[in-house]
PDB file of N, CA and C in Angstrom:
ATOM      1  N   UNK A   1      -9.728  -7.861   4.177  1.00  0.00           N
ATOM      2  CA  UNK A   1     -10.433  -6.574   4.212  1.00  0.00           C
ATOM      3  C   UNK A   1     -10.470  -5.806   4.636  1.00  0.00           C
ATOM      4  N   UNK A   2      -9.995  -4.104   4.802  1.00  0.00           N
ATOM      5  CA  UNK A   2      -9.639  -2.602   5.053  1.00  0.00           C
ATOM      6  C   UNK A   2     -11.172  -2.392   5.227  1.00  0.00           C
ATOM      7  N   UNK A   3     -11.456  -2.554   6.951  1.00  0.00           N
ATOM      8  CA  UNK A   3     -12.243  -1.646   7.266  1.00  0.00           C
ATOM      9  C   UNK A   3     -12.480   0.391   6.905  1.00  0.00           C
ATOM     10  N   UNK A   4     -13.979   0.518   6.523  1.00  0.00           N
ATOM     11  CA  UNK A   4     -13.562   2.153   5.982  1.00  0.00           C
ATOM     12  C   UNK A   4     -12.800   2.679   7.550  1.00  0.00           C
ATOM     13  N   UNK A   5     -12.858   2.253   8.770  1.00  0.00           N
ATOM     14  CA  UNK A   5     -11.852   3.153   9.263  1.00  0.00           C
ATOM     15  C   UNK A   5     -10.236   2.937   9.461  1.00  0.00           C
ATOM     16  N   UNK A   6     -10.047   1.568   9.507  1.00  0.00           N
ATOM     17  CA  UNK A   6      -8.374   1.811   8.881  1.00  0.00           C
ATOM     18  C   UNK A   6      -7.862   2.821   7.794  1.00  0.00           C
ATOM     19  N   UNK A   7      -9.253   2.507   6.924  1.00  0.00           N
ATOM     20  CA  UNK A   7      -8.870   3.147   5.317  1.00  0.00           C
ATOM     21  C   UNK A   7      -8.630   5.120   5.774  1.00  0.00           C
ATOM     22  N   UNK A   8      -9.348   5.531   6.281  1.00  0.00           N
ATOM     23  CA  UNK A   8      -9.190   6.637   6.907  1.00  0.00           C
ATOM     24  C   UNK A   8      -8.431   7.175   7.836  1.00  0.00           C
ATOM     25  N   UNK A   9      -8.116   6.208   8.806  1.00  0.00           N
ATOM     26  CA  UNK A   9      -6.190   6.225   9.996  1.00  0.00           C
ATOM     27  C   UNK A   9      -5.355   6.781   8.524  1.00  0.00           C
ATOM     28  N   UNK A  10      -5.055   5.089   7.048  1.00  0.00           N
ATOM     29  CA  UNK A  10      -4.198   5.266   7.163  1.00  0.00           C
ATOM     30  C   UNK A  10      -3.844   6.657   5.408  1.00  0.00           C
ATOM     31  N   UNK A  11      -5.208   7.037   5.349  1.00  0.00           N
ATOM     32  CA  UNK A  11      -5.346   8.128   4.375  1.00  0.00           C
ATOM     33  C   UNK A  11      -4.632   8.954   4.963  1.00  0.00           C
ATOM     34  N   UNK A  12      -5.387   9.249   6.433  1.00  0.00           N
ATOM     35  CA  UNK A  12      -4.964  10.945   7.022  1.00  0.00           C
ATOM     36  C   UNK A  12      -3.318  10.541   7.387  1.00  0.00           C
ATOM     37  N   UNK A  13      -2.815   9.049   7.702  1.00  0.00           N
ATOM     38  CA  UNK A  13      -1.534   9.383   7.469  1.00  0.00           C
ATOM     39  C   UNK A  13      -0.607   9.766   6.483  1.00  0.00           C
ATOM     40  N   UNK A  14      -1.054   9.664   5.075  1.00  0.00           N
ATOM     41  CA  UNK A  14      -0.248  10.229   4.767  1.00  0.00           C
ATOM     42  C   UNK A  14      -0.988  11.153   3.093  1.00  0.00           C
ATOM     43  N   UNK A  15      -1.942  11.250   2.997  1.00  0.00           N
ATOM     44  CA  UNK A  15      -2.690  12.133   2.553  1.00  0.00           C
ATOM     45  C   UNK A  15      -1.202  13.880   2.582  1.00  0.00           C
ATOM     46  N   UNK A  16      -1.755  13.888   0.909  1.00  0.00           N
ATOM     47  CA  UNK A  16      -1.042  15.396   1.044  1.00  0.00           C
ATOM     48  C   UNK A  16      -1.877  17.100   0.906  1.00  0.00           C
ATOM     49  N   UNK A  17      -3.370  16.247   1.179  1.00  0.00           N
ATOM     50  CA  UNK A  17      -4.185  17.334   1.454  1.00  0.00           C
ATOM     51  C   UNK A  17      -5.341  16.991   2.005  1.00  0.00           C
ATOM     52  N   UNK A  18      -6.443  18.101   2.178  1.00  0.00           N
ATOM     53  CA  UNK A  18      -7.132  17.471   3.262  1.00  0.00           C
ATOM     54  C   UNK A  18      -8.175  16.531   2.126  1.00  0.00           C
ATOM     55  N   UNK A  19      -8.747  16.357   0.913  1.00  0.00           N
ATOM     56  CA  UNK A  19      -8.824  16.201   0.605  1.00  0.00           C
ATOM     57  C   UNK A  19      -8.806  14.948  -0.993  1.00  0.00           C
ATOM     58  N   UNK A  20      -7.268  14.730  -0.438  1.00  0.00           N
ATOM     59  CA  UNK A  20      -6.999  13.820  -1.468  1.00  0.00           C
ATOM     60  C   UNK A  20      -6.871  12.331  -0.404  1.00  0.00           C
ATOM     61  N   UNK A  21      -6.937  11.439  -1.836  1.00  0.00           N
ATOM     62  CA  UNK A  21      -7.862  10.286  -1.294  1.00  0.00           C
ATOM     63  C   UNK A  21      -7.615   9.689  -2.435  1.00  0.00           C
ATOM     64  N   UNK A  22      -6.597   9.817  -3.630  1.00  0.00           N
ATOM     65  CA  UNK A  22      -6.587   9.317  -4.619  1.00  0.00           C
ATOM     66  C   UNK A  22      -4.754   9.138  -5.084  1.00  0.00           C
ATOM     67  N   UNK A  23      -3.619   9.752  -4.345  1.00  0.00           N
ATOM     68  CA  UNK A  23      -2.378  10.374  -5.292  1.00  0.00           C
ATOM     69  C   UNK A  23      -1.745   8.691  -4.449  1.00  0.00           C
ATOM     70  N   UNK A  24      -0.372   8.793  -5.440  1.00  0.00           N
ATOM     71  CA  UNK A  24      -0.219   7.528  -5.032  1.00  0.00           C
ATOM     72  C   UNK A  24       0.673   7.884  -3.917  1.00  0.00           C
ATOM     73  N   UNK A  25       0.591   8.608  -3.432  1.00  0.00           N
ATOM     74  CA  UNK A  25       1.419   8.012  -1.725  1.00  0.00           C
ATOM     75  C   UNK A  25       0.403   7.525  -1.012  1.00  0.00           C
ATOM     76  N   UNK A  26      -1.185   8.093  -1.284  1.00  0.00           N
ATOM     77  CA  UNK A  26      -1.774   7.427  -0.310  1.00  0.00           C
ATOM     78  C   UNK A  26      -2.238   5.952  -1.190  1.00  0.00           C
ATOM     79  N   UNK A  27      -2.712   5.770  -2.710  1.00  0.00           N
ATOM     80  CA  UNK A  27      -2.883   3.987  -3.154  1.00  0.00           C
ATOM     81  C   UNK A  27      -1.904   3.435  -2.568  1.00  0.00           C
ATOM     82  N   UNK A  28      -0.444   3.733  -2.754  1.00  0.00           N
ATOM     83  CA  UNK A  28       0.598   2.624  -2.407  1.00  0.00           C
ATOM     84  C   UNK A  28       0.089   2.491  -0.440  1.00  0.00           C
ATOM     85  N   UNK A  29       0.037   3.409   0.389  1.00  0.00           N
ATOM     86  CA  UNK A  29      -0.198   3.008   1.865  1.00  0.00           C
ATOM     87  C   UNK A  29      -1.025   2.294   1.858  1.00  0.00           C
ATOM     88  N   UNK A  30      -2.837   2.667   1.530  1.00  0.00           N
ATOM     89  CA  UNK A  30      -3.197   1.403   1.581  1.00  0.00           C
ATOM     90  C   UNK A  30      -3.358  -0.010   0.829  1.00  0.00           C
ATOM     91  N   UNK A  31      -2.340  -0.178  -0.295  1.00  0.00           N
ATOM     92  CA  UNK A  31      -1.849  -1.145  -0.837  1.00  0.00           C
ATOM     93  C   UNK A  31      -1.148  -2.085   0.358  1.00  0.00           C
ATOM     94  N   UNK A  32       0.127  -1.626   0.951  1.00  0.00           N
ATOM     95  CA  UNK A  32       0.723  -1.874   1.830  1.00  0.00           C
ATOM     96  C   UNK A  32       0.067  -2.189   2.943  1.00  0.00           C
ATOM     97  N   UNK A  33      -1.239  -1.688   3.345  1.00  0.00           N
ATOM     98  CA  UNK A  33      -1.864  -2.033   4.880  1.00  0.00           C
ATOM     99  C   UNK A  33      -2.562  -3.527   4.240  1.00  0.00           C
ATOM    100  N   UNK A  34      -2.952  -3.431   2.984  1.00  0.00           N
ATOM    101  CA  UNK A  34      -4.024  -4.795   2.469  1.00  0.00           C
ATOM    102  C   UNK A  34      -3.282  -5.675   2.682  1.00  0.00           C
ATOM    103  N   UNK A  35      -1.781  -5.856   2.106  1.00  0.00           N
ATOM    104  CA  UNK A  35      -0.660  -6.457   1.662  1.00  0.00           C
ATOM    105  C   UNK A  35      -0.721  -7.657   2.880  1.00  0.00           C
ATOM    106  N   UNK A  36      -0.289  -6.552   3.788  1.00  0.00           N
ATOM    107  CA  UNK A  36      -0.137  -6.720   5.246  1.00  0.00           C
ATOM    108  C   UNK A  36      -1.356  -7.951   5.879  1.00  0.00           C
ATOM    109  N   UNK A  37      -2.505  -7.179   5.869  1.00  0.00           N
ATOM    110  CA  UNK A  37      -3.633  -8.037   6.439  1.00  0.00           C
ATOM    111  C   UNK A  37      -3.620  -9.619   5.752  1.00  0.00           C
ATOM    112  N   UNK A  38      -4.041  -9.433   4.283  1.00  0.00           N
ATOM    113  CA  UNK A  38      -3.726  -9.948   3.301  1.00  0.00           C
ATOM    114  C   UNK A  38      -2.257 -11.211   2.987  1.00  0.00           C
ATOM    115  N   UNK A  39      -1.500 -10.817   3.571  1.00  0.00           N
ATOM    116  CA  UNK A  39      -0.530 -11.892   4.323  1.00  0.00           C
ATOM    117  C   UNK A  39      -0.512 -12.708   5.523  1.00  0.00           C
ATOM    118  N   UNK A  40      -1.247 -11.813   6.779  1.00  0.00           N
ATOM    119  CA  UNK A  40      -1.492 -12.806   7.540  1.00  0.00           C
ATOM    120  C   UNK A  40      -2.099 -13.696   7.572  1.00  0.00           C
ATOM    121  N   UNK A  41      -3.367 -13.458   6.772  1.00  0.00           N
ATOM    122  CA  UNK A  41      -4.376 -14.422   6.602  1.00  0.00           C
ATOM    123  C   UNK A  41      -3.460 -15.574   5.972  1.00  0.00           C
ATOM    124  N   UNK A  42      -3.257 -15.562   4.747  1.00  0.00           N
ATOM    125  CA  UNK A  42      -2.295 -16.573   4.247  1.00  0.00           C
ATOM    126  C   UNK A  42      -1.499 -17.192   5.280  1.00  0.00           C
ATOM    127  N   UNK A  43      -0.781 -17.128   6.467  1.00  0.00           N
ATOM    128  CA  UNK A  43       0.297 -17.796   7.655  1.00  0.00           C
ATOM    129  C   UNK A  43      -0.874 -18.652   8.005  1.00  0.00           C
ATOM    130  N   UNK A  44      -1.912 -18.087   8.498  1.00  0.00           N
ATOM    131  CA  UNK A  44      -2.891 -18.484   8.612  1.00  0.00           C
ATOM    132  C   UNK A  44      -3.442 -20.104   7.563  1.00  0.00           C
ATOM    133  N   UNK A  45      -3.832 -19.806   6.648  1.00  0.00           N
ATOM    134  CA  UNK A  45      -4.703 -20.273   5.402  1.00  0.00           C
ATOM    135  C   UNK A  45      -3.139 -20.750   4.304  1.00  0.00           C
ATOM    136  N   UNK A  46      -2.794 -21.326   4.791  1.00  0.00           N
ATOM    137  CA  UNK A  46      -1.848 -21.875   3.243  1.00  0.00           C
ATOM    138  C   UNK A  46      -2.214 -21.976   2.066  1.00  0.00           C
ATOM    139  N   UNK A  47      -3.392 -22.692   1.929  1.00  0.00           N
ATOM    140  CA  UNK A  47      -3.464 -23.107   1.125  1.00  0.00           C
ATOM    141  C   UNK A  47      -4.490 -22.499   0.187  1.00  0.00           C
ATOM    142  N   UNK A  48      -4.971 -21.133   0.273  1.00  0.00           N
ATOM    143  CA  UNK A  48      -5.453 -20.249  -0.442  1.00  0.00           C
ATOM    144  C   UNK A  48      -5.157 -19.872  -1.366  1.00  0.00           C
ATOM    145  N   UNK A  49      -5.110 -20.347  -2.761  1.00  0.00           N
ATOM    146  CA  UNK A  49      -4.303 -20.189  -3.849  1.00  0.00           C
ATOM    147  C   UNK A  49      -4.898 -18.841  -4.176  1.00  0.00           C
ATOM    148  N   UNK A  50      -6.184 -18.824  -4.082  1.00  0.00           N
ATOM    149  CA  UNK A  50      -7.156 -17.657  -5.002  1.00  0.00           C
ATOM    150  C   UNK A  50      -6.805 -16.351  -4.266  1.00  0.00           C
ATOM    151  N   UNK A  51      -6.519 -16.216  -3.196  1.00  0.00           N
ATOM    152  CA  UNK A  51      -6.305 -14.659  -2.178  1.00  0.00           C
ATOM    153  C   UNK A  51      -4.750 -14.671  -2.400  1.00  0.00           C
ATOM    154  N   UNK A  52      -4.072 -15.988  -2.560  1.00  0.00           N
ATOM    155  CA  UNK A  52      -2.498 -15.552  -3.223  1.00  0.00           C
ATOM    156  C   UNK A  52      -2.416 -14.717  -4.593  1.00  0.00           C
ATOM    157  N   UNK A  53      -2.770 -15.073  -5.127  1.00  0.00           N
ATOM    158  CA  UNK A  53      -3.292 -14.548  -6.622  1.00  0.00           C
ATOM    159  C   UNK A  53      -3.576 -13.130  -6.624  1.00  0.00           C
ATOM    160  N   UNK A  54      -3.954 -12.895  -5.096  1.00  0.00           N
ATOM    161  CA  UNK A  54      -4.452 -11.534  -5.243  1.00  0.00           C
ATOM    162  C   UNK A  54      -3.002 -10.406  -4.254  1.00  0.00           C
ATOM    163  N   UNK A  55      -2.685 -11.339  -3.913  1.00  0.00           N
ATOM    164  CA  UNK A  55      -1.495 -11.154  -3.002  1.00  0.00           C
ATOM    165  C   UNK A  55      -0.787 -10.250  -3.841  1.00  0.00           C
ATOM    166  N   UNK A  56      -0.377 -11.106  -4.776  1.00  0.00           N
ATOM    167  CA  UNK A  56       0.808 -11.390  -6.121  1.00  0.00           C
ATOM    168  C   UNK A  56       0.437 -10.549  -7.010  1.00  0.00           C
ATOM    169  N   UNK A  57      -0.411  -9.775  -7.343  1.00  0.00           N
ATOM    170  CA  UNK A  57      -1.150  -8.478  -8.430  1.00  0.00           C
ATOM    171  C   UNK A  57      -1.298  -7.319  -7.175  1.00  0.00           C
ATOM    172  N   UNK A  58      -1.884  -7.363  -5.898  1.00  0.00           N
ATOM    173  CA  UNK A  58      -1.516  -6.066  -5.281  1.00  0.00           C
ATOM    174  C   UNK A  58      -0.229  -5.661  -5.189  1.00  0.00           C
ATOM    175  N   UNK A  59       1.380  -6.685  -4.916  1.00  0.00           N
ATOM    176  CA  UNK A  59       2.169  -6.082  -5.228  1.00  0.00           C
ATOM    177  C   UNK A  59       2.722  -6.010  -6.441  1.00  0.00           C
ATOM    178  N   UNK A  60       2.520  -6.260  -7.176  1.00  0.00           N
ATOM    179  CA  UNK A  60       2.817  -5.711  -8.136  1.00  0.00           C
ATOM    180  C   UNK A  60       2.388  -4.464  -9.017  1.00  0.00           C
ATOM    181  N   UNK A  61       1.308  -3.961  -8.436  1.00  0.00           N
ATOM    182  CA  UNK A  61       0.119  -2.854  -8.188  1.00  0.00           C
ATOM    183  C   UNK A  61       1.115  -1.364  -7.493  1.00  0.00           C
ATOM    184  N   UNK A  62       1.758  -1.843  -6.889  1.00  0.00           N
ATOM    185  CA  UNK A  62       2.053  -1.226  -5.814  1.00  0.00           C
ATOM    186  C   UNK A  62       3.640  -1.282  -6.052  1.00  0.00           C
ATOM    187  N   UNK A  63       4.054  -1.746  -6.033  1.00  0.00           N
ATOM    188  CA  UNK A  63       5.815  -1.637  -7.328  1.00  0.00           C
ATOM    189  C   UNK A  63       5.760  -1.099  -8.402  1.00  0.00           C
ATOM    190  N   UNK A  64       4.587  -0.840  -9.178  1.00  0.00           N
ATOM    191  CA  UNK A  64       4.538   0.416 -10.328  1.00  0.00           C
ATOM    192  C   UNK A  64       3.997   1.553  -9.590  1.00  0.00           C
ATOM    193  N   UNK A  65       3.445   1.880  -9.152  1.00  0.00           N
ATOM    194  CA  UNK A  65       2.827   3.233  -8.160  1.00  0.00           C
ATOM    195  C   UNK A  65       4.501   4.246  -7.903  1.00  0.00           C
ATOM    196  N   UNK A  66       4.911   2.659  -6.999  1.00  0.00           N
ATOM    197  CA  UNK A  66       6.602   2.678  -6.098  1.00  0.00           C
ATOM    198  C   UNK A  66       7.470   3.747  -6.886  1.00  0.00           C
ATOM    199  N   UNK A  67       7.265   2.536  -8.598  1.00  0.00           N
ATOM    200  CA  UNK A  67       8.165   3.157  -9.892  1.00  0.00           C
ATOM    201  C   UNK A  67       7.649   4.525  -9.985  1.00  0.00           C
ATOM    202  N   UNK A  68       6.726   5.100 -10.809  1.00  0.00           N
ATOM    203  CA  UNK A  68       6.024   6.011 -11.200  1.00  0.00           C
ATOM    204  C   UNK A  68       6.394   6.656  -9.488  1.00  0.00           C
ATOM    205  N   UNK A  69       5.775   7.121  -8.842  1.00  0.00           N
ATOM    206  CA  UNK A  69       6.611   8.012  -7.546  1.00  0.00           C
ATOM    207  C   UNK A  69       7.757   8.723  -7.849  1.00  0.00           C
ATOM    208  N   UNK A  70       8.696   7.664  -8.200  1.00  0.00           N
ATOM    209  CA  UNK A  70      10.477   7.290  -7.608  1.00  0.00           C
ATOM    210  C   UNK A  70      10.631   7.956  -8.743  1.00  0.00           C
ATOM    211  N   UNK A  71       9.840   8.068 -10.688  1.00  0.00           N
ATOM    212  CA  UNK A  71      10.492   8.657 -11.341  1.00  0.00           C
ATOM    213  C   UNK A  71      10.248  10.110 -11.167  1.00  0.00           C
ATOM    214  N   UNK A  72       8.509  10.484 -11.032  1.00  0.00           N
ATOM    215  CA  UNK A  72       8.214  11.697 -10.918  1.00  0.00           C
ATOM    216  C   UNK A  72       8.597  12.384  -9.384  1.00  0.00           C
ATOM    217  N   UNK A  73       9.405  12.217  -8.632  1.00  0.00           N
ATOM    218  CA  UNK A  73       9.152  13.052  -7.355  1.00  0.00           C
ATOM    219  C   UNK A  73       9.877  11.704  -6.606  1.00  0.00           C
ATOM    220  N   UNK A  74      11.008  12.105  -6.482  1.00  0.00           N
ATOM    221  CA  UNK A  74      12.433  11.713  -6.018  1.00  0.00           C
ATOM    222  C   UNK A  74      12.030  11.697  -4.105  1.00  0.00           C
ATOM    223  N   UNK A  75      11.486  13.205  -3.884  1.00  0.00           N
ATOM    224  CA  UNK A  75      11.703  13.228  -2.620  1.00  0.00           C
ATOM    225  C   UNK A  75      10.192  12.976  -2.419  1.00  0.00           C
ATOM    226  N   UNK A  76       9.091  12.925  -2.775  1.00  0.00           N
ATOM    227  CA  UNK A  76       8.139  12.267  -2.186  1.00  0.00           C
ATOM    228  C   UNK A  76       8.401  10.804  -1.912  1.00  0.00           C
ATOM    229  N   UNK A  77       8.967  10.225  -2.840  1.00  0.00           N
ATOM    230  CA  UNK A  77       9.252   8.354  -2.682  1.00  0.00           C
ATOM    231  C   UNK A  77      10.586   8.009  -1.743  1.00  0.00           C
ATOM    232  N   UNK A  78      11.117   9.056  -1.146  1.00  0.00           N
ATOM    233  CA  UNK A  78      12.096   8.655   0.016  1.00  0.00           C
ATOM    234  C   UNK A  78      11.742   9.019   0.877  1.00  0.00           C
ATOM    235  N   UNK A  79      10.366   9.688   1.193  1.00  0.00           N
ATOM    236  CA  UNK A  79       9.320  10.146   2.720  1.00  0.00           C
ATOM    237  C   UNK A  79       8.198   9.068   2.945  1.00  0.00           C
ATOM    238  N   UNK A  80       7.703   8.347   1.302  1.00  0.00           N
ATOM    239  CA  UNK A  80       6.375   7.801   1.716  1.00  0.00           C
ATOM    240  C   UNK A  80       7.233   5.958   2.035  1.00  0.00           C
ATOM    241  N   UNK A  81       8.630   5.479   2.109  1.00  0.00           N
ATOM    242  CA  UNK A  81       9.359   4.338   1.653  1.00  0.00           C
ATOM    243  C   UNK A  81       9.895   4.361   3.211  1.00  0.00           C
ATOM    244  N   UNK A  82      10.259   5.644   4.016  1.00  0.00           N
ATOM    245  CA  UNK A  82      10.714   6.051   5.083  1.00  0.00           C
ATOM    246  C   UNK A  82       9.479   5.466   6.188  1.00  0.00           C
ATOM    247  N   UNK A  83       8.208   6.269   5.975  1.00  0.00           N
ATOM    248  CA  UNK A  83       7.436   6.350   6.917  1.00  0.00           C
ATOM    249  C   UNK A  83       6.909   5.526   6.765  1.00  0.00           C
ATOM    250  N   UNK A  84       6.850   5.016   5.927  1.00  0.00           N
ATOM    251  CA  UNK A  84       5.341   2.939   5.758  1.00  0.00           C
ATOM    252  C   UNK A  84       6.841   2.144   6.039  1.00  0.00           C
ATOM    253  N   UNK A  85       8.187   1.560   6.269  1.00  0.00           N
ATOM    254  CA  UNK A  85       9.233   1.043   6.329  1.00  0.00           C
ATOM    255  C   UNK A  85       8.746   0.019   5.628  1.00  0.00           C
ATOM    256  N   UNK A  86       9.282   0.643   4.112  1.00  0.00           N
ATOM    257  CA  UNK A  86       9.387  -0.368   2.919  1.00  0.00           C
ATOM    258  C   UNK A  86      10.927  -0.776   2.612  1.00  0.00           C
ATOM    259  N   UNK A  87      11.636  -1.444   2.403  1.00  0.00           N
ATOM    260  CA  UNK A  87      12.716  -1.882   2.005  1.00  0.00           C
ATOM    261  C   UNK A  87      13.032  -1.080   0.177  1.00  0.00           C
ATOM    262  N   UNK A  88      14.081  -0.704   0.250  1.00  0.00           N
ATOM    263  CA  UNK A  88      14.303  -0.191  -1.554  1.00  0.00           C
ATOM    264  C   UNK A  88      15.542   1.320  -0.421  1.00  0.00           C
TER     265      UNK A  88
END
């Protein structure tokens, strides 16, 4: 679970303007941070299958947002992939 402080730092890193909290860039960045934290949790707790299901849902949601961004704005997509260090 992300704290409010962590969320604000992630949002400030990728926001397109001052009040941007829901653009695809921000959503992808927040999902990536949540996925990283949940992956650490699952390494310590390998039998936590309910959290694993949530992780898979978040990965699918991030993939859908990335696909949307790739089709609508290729330049923002490539910049975000580099900034977050994602594969593709």
